């Protein structure tokens, strides 16, 4: 289900399906979107705080579904990650999504929403939207408004660049935050056979990383994947990186590390759920948008 690309005058809405965002940061992002010609509005509970969440589960789910149900809203932006998307991923109004598909833009915790939307509706989305610099803003604007080939080059100075192997792969780019992929296993994780698996993470301990990867591999969740696109693993130890290398290389598929997706410096937005070509030899990932 391919949502139409955005045009000037379209309305986009910010919602907070996870934790409460910094209001000033959201307003800066809104100003950028307005400068691109979009109308911007906000969910009813977008700045609410209830413990670690932006309101109750009912309120966060209601804001997300209101955006999916509103025909005037053409794209839905998650204000941030944090905690809480996993509590409401199965409460999405999938019938509304199928009847009027629109892009969800978010990453980190929002990975589980992307996974569930692909599993239930085959809906692509955009992993990202940090509005930190011109490179990301250009990538995000292209992903929102254009069609064609979207190519991202790996960065040799990223920690995960050392995970790169050789070879090429083609398949749908599916994934995102590794913890959320593991959280989704068994209920919100779609079939990954034939896919290029996107991985990124933050604050993951050595044992935690190895246990998650072991569960995903031994549980059969990674069976038949075509390739692995590794983004930024932030606050990640050398020991954790070594164990991640062992786990990924054991899958016997091309691995491209060093991609600028995640919580690190100058992250870039990338479409997910669309056909992609991974070229570990050329250190590029190309997504058809």
Protein backbone atom coordinates (compact mmCIF):
# COMPACT_ATOMS: atom_id res chain seq x y z
CA UNK A 1 0.00 0.00 0.00
CA UNK A 2 1.96 2.97 -1.29
CA UNK A 3 0.78 6.31 0.15
CA UNK A 4 0.87 9.15 -2.33
CA UNK A 5 3.76 11.57 -2.05
CA UNK A 6 3.17 14.84 -0.26
CA UNK A 7 2.41 18.05 -2.12
CA UNK A 8 2.51 21.69 -0.94
CA UNK A 9 -0.59 22.46 1.06
CA UNK A 10 -0.94 18.94 2.48
CA UNK A 11 -1.55 18.61 6.20
CA UNK A 12 0.78 16.61 8.43
CA UNK A 13 0.17 15.83 12.09
CA UNK A 14 2.50 15.30 15.03
CA UNK A 15 1.52 12.60 17.53
CA UNK A 16 3.36 11.13 20.52
CA UNK A 17 2.86 7.36 20.61
CA UNK A 18 5.76 6.90 23.04
CA UNK A 19 7.31 9.42 25.46
CA UNK A 20 6.67 13.13 25.93
CA UNK A 21 8.75 15.28 23.57
CA UNK A 22 10.50 18.58 24.13
CA UNK A 23 7.95 21.09 22.91
CA UNK A 24 10.51 23.57 21.61
CA UNK A 25 12.12 20.85 19.48
CA UNK A 26 8.78 19.82 18.02
CA UNK A 27 7.96 23.41 17.18
CA UNK A 28 11.30 23.75 15.38
CA UNK A 29 10.50 20.65 13.35
CA UNK A 30 7.03 22.03 12.60
CA UNK A 31 8.56 25.27 11.37
CA UNK A 32 10.76 23.36 8.92
CA UNK A 33 7.78 21.42 7.58
CA UNK A 34 5.82 24.65 7.20
CA UNK A 35 8.72 26.16 5.26
CA UNK A 36 8.34 23.24 2.82
CA UNK A 37 4.75 24.27 2.20
CA UNK A 38 2.93 21.84 4.50
CA UNK A 39 0.18 22.59 6.99
CA UNK A 40 1.03 21.27 10.45
CA UNK A 41 -1.19 20.33 13.37
CA UNK A 42 -0.90 18.30 16.56
CA UNK A 43 -2.62 15.43 18.32
CA UNK A 44 -4.68 16.27 21.39
CA UNK A 45 -2.22 14.69 23.84
CA UNK A 46 1.05 15.31 22.02
CA UNK A 47 2.72 17.14 24.94
CA UNK A 48 1.00 15.33 27.81
CA UNK A 49 3.10 13.49 30.39
CA UNK A 50 2.07 10.43 32.36
CA UNK A 51 5.03 8.64 33.90
CA UNK A 52 7.43 7.78 31.05
CA UNK A 53 4.65 8.12 28.45
CA UNK A 54 2.93 10.96 26.59
CA UNK A 55 -0.42 10.24 28.21
CA UNK A 56 -2.21 6.97 28.86
CA UNK A 57 -2.24 4.08 26.41
CA UNK A 58 -5.79 5.05 25.48
CA UNK A 59 -4.80 8.66 24.80
CA UNK A 60 -1.72 7.82 22.75
CA UNK A 61 -3.59 5.23 20.70
CA UNK A 62 -6.47 7.66 20.19
CA UNK A 63 -4.15 10.35 18.81
CA UNK A 64 -2.46 7.89 16.45
CA UNK A 65 -5.77 6.52 15.18
CA UNK A 66 -7.32 9.97 14.86
CA UNK A 67 -4.48 10.88 12.51
CA UNK A 68 -4.93 7.70 10.46
CA UNK A 69 -8.70 8.25 10.27
CA UNK A 70 -8.61 11.95 9.33
CA UNK A 71 -8.74 12.25 5.52
CA UNK A 72 -7.20 15.73 5.67
CA UNK A 73 -4.01 14.37 7.27
CA UNK A 74 -1.58 13.07 4.65
CA UNK A 75 1.37 12.07 6.86
CA UNK A 76 1.83 11.25 10.54
CA UNK A 77 5.00 12.31 12.38
CA UNK A 78 5.99 10.73 15.68
CA UNK A 79 7.48 13.44 17.89
CA UNK A 80 10.03 11.09 19.47
CA UNK A 81 10.72 7.56 20.68
CA UNK A 82 11.37 6.71 24.29
CA UNK A 83 8.89 4.23 25.74
CA UNK A 84 5.37 3.10 24.98
CA UNK A 85 4.83 2.30 21.29
CA UNK A 86 5.00 -1.43 22.03
CA UNK A 87 1.98 -1.04 24.34
CA UNK A 88 -0.30 0.26 21.58
CA UNK A 89 1.02 -1.26 18.34
CA UNK A 90 -1.82 -3.81 18.25
CA UNK A 91 -4.41 -1.09 18.80
CA UNK A 92 -3.91 0.65 15.46
CA UNK A 93 -7.07 1.00 13.36
CA UNK A 94 -5.82 -1.16 10.50
CA UNK A 95 -9.06 -0.77 8.54
CA UNK A 96 -8.54 3.00 8.53
CA UNK A 97 -4.96 2.55 7.39
CA UNK A 98 -6.01 0.24 4.55
CA UNK A 99 -8.77 2.58 3.37
CA UNK A 100 -6.56 5.68 3.37
CA UNK A 101 -2.83 4.80 3.51
CA UNK A 102 -0.50 7.54 4.71
CA UNK A 103 3.13 7.62 5.75
CA UNK A 104 4.20 7.24 9.36
CA UNK A 105 7.51 8.94 10.05
CA UNK A 106 9.51 7.96 13.13
CA UNK A 107 12.32 5.72 14.33
CA UNK A 108 13.74 4.11 17.48
CA UNK A 109 10.75 3.03 19.58
CA UNK A 110 8.46 3.73 16.60
CA UNK A 111 10.08 0.79 14.79
CA UNK A 112 7.44 -1.49 16.28
CA UNK A 113 4.68 0.60 14.70
CA UNK A 114 6.38 0.33 11.30
CA UNK A 115 6.71 -3.42 11.76
CA UNK A 116 3.07 -3.87 12.74
CA UNK A 117 1.84 -1.65 9.91
CA UNK A 118 3.85 -3.70 7.42
CA UNK A 119 2.67 -6.99 8.92
CA UNK A 120 -1.02 -6.03 8.91
CA UNK A 121 -1.30 -3.60 6.00
CA UNK A 122 1.91 -3.79 3.92
CA UNK A 123 2.29 -0.07 4.59
CA UNK A 124 5.72 1.52 3.94
CA UNK A 125 6.95 4.31 6.19
CA UNK A 126 10.00 6.45 6.91
CA UNK A 127 12.57 5.55 9.55
CA UNK A 128 13.90 8.87 10.79
CA UNK A 129 13.00 12.58 10.94
CA UNK A 130 15.35 14.24 13.41
CA UNK A 131 15.60 17.62 11.62
CA UNK A 132 19.20 18.06 12.76
CA UNK A 133 20.99 19.20 9.62
CA UNK A 134 20.67 19.88 5.91
CA UNK A 135 21.66 16.37 4.82
CA UNK A 136 18.87 14.74 6.79
CA UNK A 137 16.34 17.43 5.92
CA UNK A 138 17.08 16.96 2.22
CA UNK A 139 16.78 13.18 2.56
CA UNK A 140 13.50 13.46 4.45
CA UNK A 141 12.02 15.94 2.00
CA UNK A 142 12.99 13.69 -0.90
CA UNK A 143 11.43 10.65 0.78
CA UNK A 144 8.22 12.58 1.45
CA UNK A 145 7.75 14.21 -1.94
CA UNK A 146 9.70 12.42 -4.67
CA UNK A 147 9.85 9.15 -6.54
CA UNK A 148 12.79 7.34 -8.06
CA UNK A 149 15.99 5.96 -6.52
CA UNK A 150 17.11 7.04 -3.06
CA UNK A 151 20.78 6.16 -2.41
CA UNK A 152 22.56 6.41 0.94
CA UNK A 153 26.31 5.90 1.29
CA UNK A 154 27.82 4.24 4.33
CA UNK A 155 30.25 6.27 6.42
CA UNK A 156 33.64 4.81 7.10
CA UNK A 157 33.90 6.57 10.48
CA UNK A 158 30.76 4.96 11.90
CA UNK A 159 31.38 2.30 14.55
CA UNK A 160 29.47 -0.34 12.59
CA UNK A 161 31.43 0.20 9.38
CA UNK A 162 33.74 -2.62 10.47
CA UNK A 163 30.83 -5.08 10.18
CA UNK A 164 30.74 -4.78 6.38
CA UNK A 165 31.35 -7.93 4.35
CA UNK A 166 31.17 -8.35 0.58
CA UNK A 167 28.38 -8.90 -1.92
CA UNK A 168 25.02 -7.55 -2.99
CA UNK A 169 21.44 -8.20 -1.96
CA UNK A 170 17.98 -7.09 -3.02
CA UNK A 171 14.71 -7.12 -1.09
CA UNK A 172 12.33 -4.97 0.89
CA UNK A 173 14.03 -2.89 3.58
CA UNK A 174 12.36 -3.82 6.87
CA UNK A 175 13.45 -3.24 10.46
CA UNK A 176 14.92 -0.47 12.56
CA UNK A 177 15.68 -0.51 16.26
CA UNK A 178 17.02 -3.92 17.32
CA UNK A 179 15.31 -3.91 20.72
CA UNK A 180 11.95 -3.22 19.09
CA UNK A 181 12.49 -5.96 16.51
CA UNK A 182 13.03 -8.38 19.40
CA UNK A 183 10.02 -6.99 21.28
CA UNK A 184 7.87 -7.52 18.17
CA UNK A 185 8.89 -11.18 17.73
CA UNK A 186 5.89 -13.48 17.96
CA UNK A 187 3.17 -10.86 17.56
CA UNK A 188 4.15 -7.74 15.59
CA UNK A 189 7.17 -8.89 13.60
CA UNK A 190 6.41 -9.57 9.93
CA UNK A 191 7.92 -12.35 7.84
CA UNK A 192 11.50 -11.33 7.01
CA UNK A 193 12.37 -13.96 4.41
CA UNK A 194 13.69 -12.17 1.31
CA UNK A 195 14.03 -8.84 3.14
CA UNK A 196 17.00 -6.61 3.77
CA UNK A 197 17.02 -6.24 7.54
CA UNK A 198 17.71 -2.74 8.88
CA UNK A 199 19.29 -2.59 12.35
CA UNK A 200 20.18 0.27 14.69
CA UNK A 201 20.42 0.58 18.46
CA UNK A 202 21.28 2.71 21.46
CA UNK A 203 22.56 1.96 24.97
CA UNK A 204 22.61 -1.79 24.37
CA UNK A 205 24.77 -3.87 26.71
CA UNK A 206 27.00 -6.69 25.54
CA UNK A 207 24.97 -9.54 27.00
CA UNK A 208 21.69 -7.95 26.00
CA UNK A 209 22.82 -7.65 22.37
CA UNK A 210 23.97 -11.26 22.22
CA UNK A 211 20.81 -12.61 23.88
CA UNK A 212 18.55 -10.68 21.50
CA UNK A 213 20.42 -11.83 18.42
CA UNK A 214 20.48 -15.41 19.68
CA UNK A 215 16.72 -15.37 20.25
CA UNK A 216 16.03 -13.91 16.80
CA UNK A 217 18.30 -16.44 15.08
CA UNK A 218 17.29 -19.56 17.02
CA UNK A 219 13.62 -18.56 16.91
CA UNK A 220 13.75 -18.60 13.11
CA UNK A 221 12.85 -14.93 12.79
CA UNK A 222 15.87 -14.19 10.58
CA UNK A 223 15.52 -17.23 8.34
CA UNK A 224 15.83 -16.40 4.66
CA UNK A 225 16.83 -12.76 4.98
CA UNK A 226 18.62 -11.45 1.90
CA UNK A 227 21.01 -8.98 3.52
CA UNK A 228 21.60 -6.75 6.53
CA UNK A 229 21.88 -2.95 6.57
CA UNK A 230 23.46 -1.83 9.84
CA UNK A 231 23.02 1.72 11.03
CA UNK A 232 24.30 3.49 14.11
CA UNK A 233 24.79 1.63 17.37
CA UNK A 234 25.26 4.44 19.88
CA UNK A 235 26.97 3.99 23.27
CA UNK A 236 28.04 0.51 22.15
CA UNK A 237 31.11 -1.27 23.52
CA UNK A 238 33.79 -3.02 21.50
CA UNK A 239 32.75 -6.30 23.11
CA UNK A 240 29.14 -5.84 22.07
CA UNK A 241 30.27 -4.98 18.54
CA UNK A 242 32.35 -8.16 18.35
CA UNK A 243 29.41 -10.32 19.41
CA UNK A 244 27.10 -8.54 16.96
CA UNK A 245 29.65 -9.24 14.20
CA UNK A 246 29.68 -12.93 15.09
CA UNK A 247 25.89 -13.13 15.07
CA UNK A 248 25.42 -11.26 11.79
CA UNK A 249 28.21 -12.96 9.88
CA UNK A 250 26.87 -16.37 10.94
CA UNK A 251 23.79 -15.66 8.81
CA UNK A 252 25.91 -15.87 5.66
CA UNK A 253 24.37 -12.90 3.84
CA UNK A 254 25.87 -9.58 2.70
CA UNK A 255 26.24 -7.09 5.55
CA UNK A 256 26.68 -3.35 5.04
CA UNK A 257 27.59 -1.41 8.16
CA UNK A 258 28.29 2.25 8.73
CA UNK A 259 24.94 3.49 7.47
CA UNK A 260 23.82 6.79 9.00
CA UNK A 261 20.52 5.60 10.48
CA UNK A 262 19.77 5.81 14.18
CA UNK A 263 20.70 7.85 17.26
CA UNK A 264 24.22 8.89 16.34
CA UNK A 265 25.68 12.00 14.78
CA UNK A 266 23.95 13.42 11.71
CA UNK A 267 21.41 10.60 11.23
CA UNK A 268 19.58 10.39 7.92
CA UNK A 269 15.97 9.41 7.26
CA UNK A 270 15.31 6.38 5.05
CA UNK A 271 12.12 4.81 3.66
CA UNK A 272 11.24 1.33 4.96
CA UNK A 273 8.93 -1.28 3.47
CA UNK A 274 10.12 -0.56 -0.07
CA UNK A 275 12.39 -2.47 -2.45
CA UNK A 276 16.07 -1.84 -1.82
CA UNK A 277 19.45 -2.87 -3.19
CA UNK A 278 22.36 -3.34 -0.81
CA UNK A 279 25.85 -3.20 -2.27
CA UNK A 280 28.44 -4.00 0.38
CA UNK A 281 31.25 -3.67 -2.17
CA UNK A 282 30.26 -0.12 -3.11
CA UNK A 283 29.08 0.68 0.47
CA UNK A 284 25.68 1.93 -0.70
CA UNK A 285 22.03 1.22 0.00
CA UNK A 286 19.50 2.25 -2.65
CA UNK A 287 15.78 2.35 -1.93
CA UNK A 288 13.13 2.67 -4.66
CA UNK A 289 10.71 5.43 -3.68
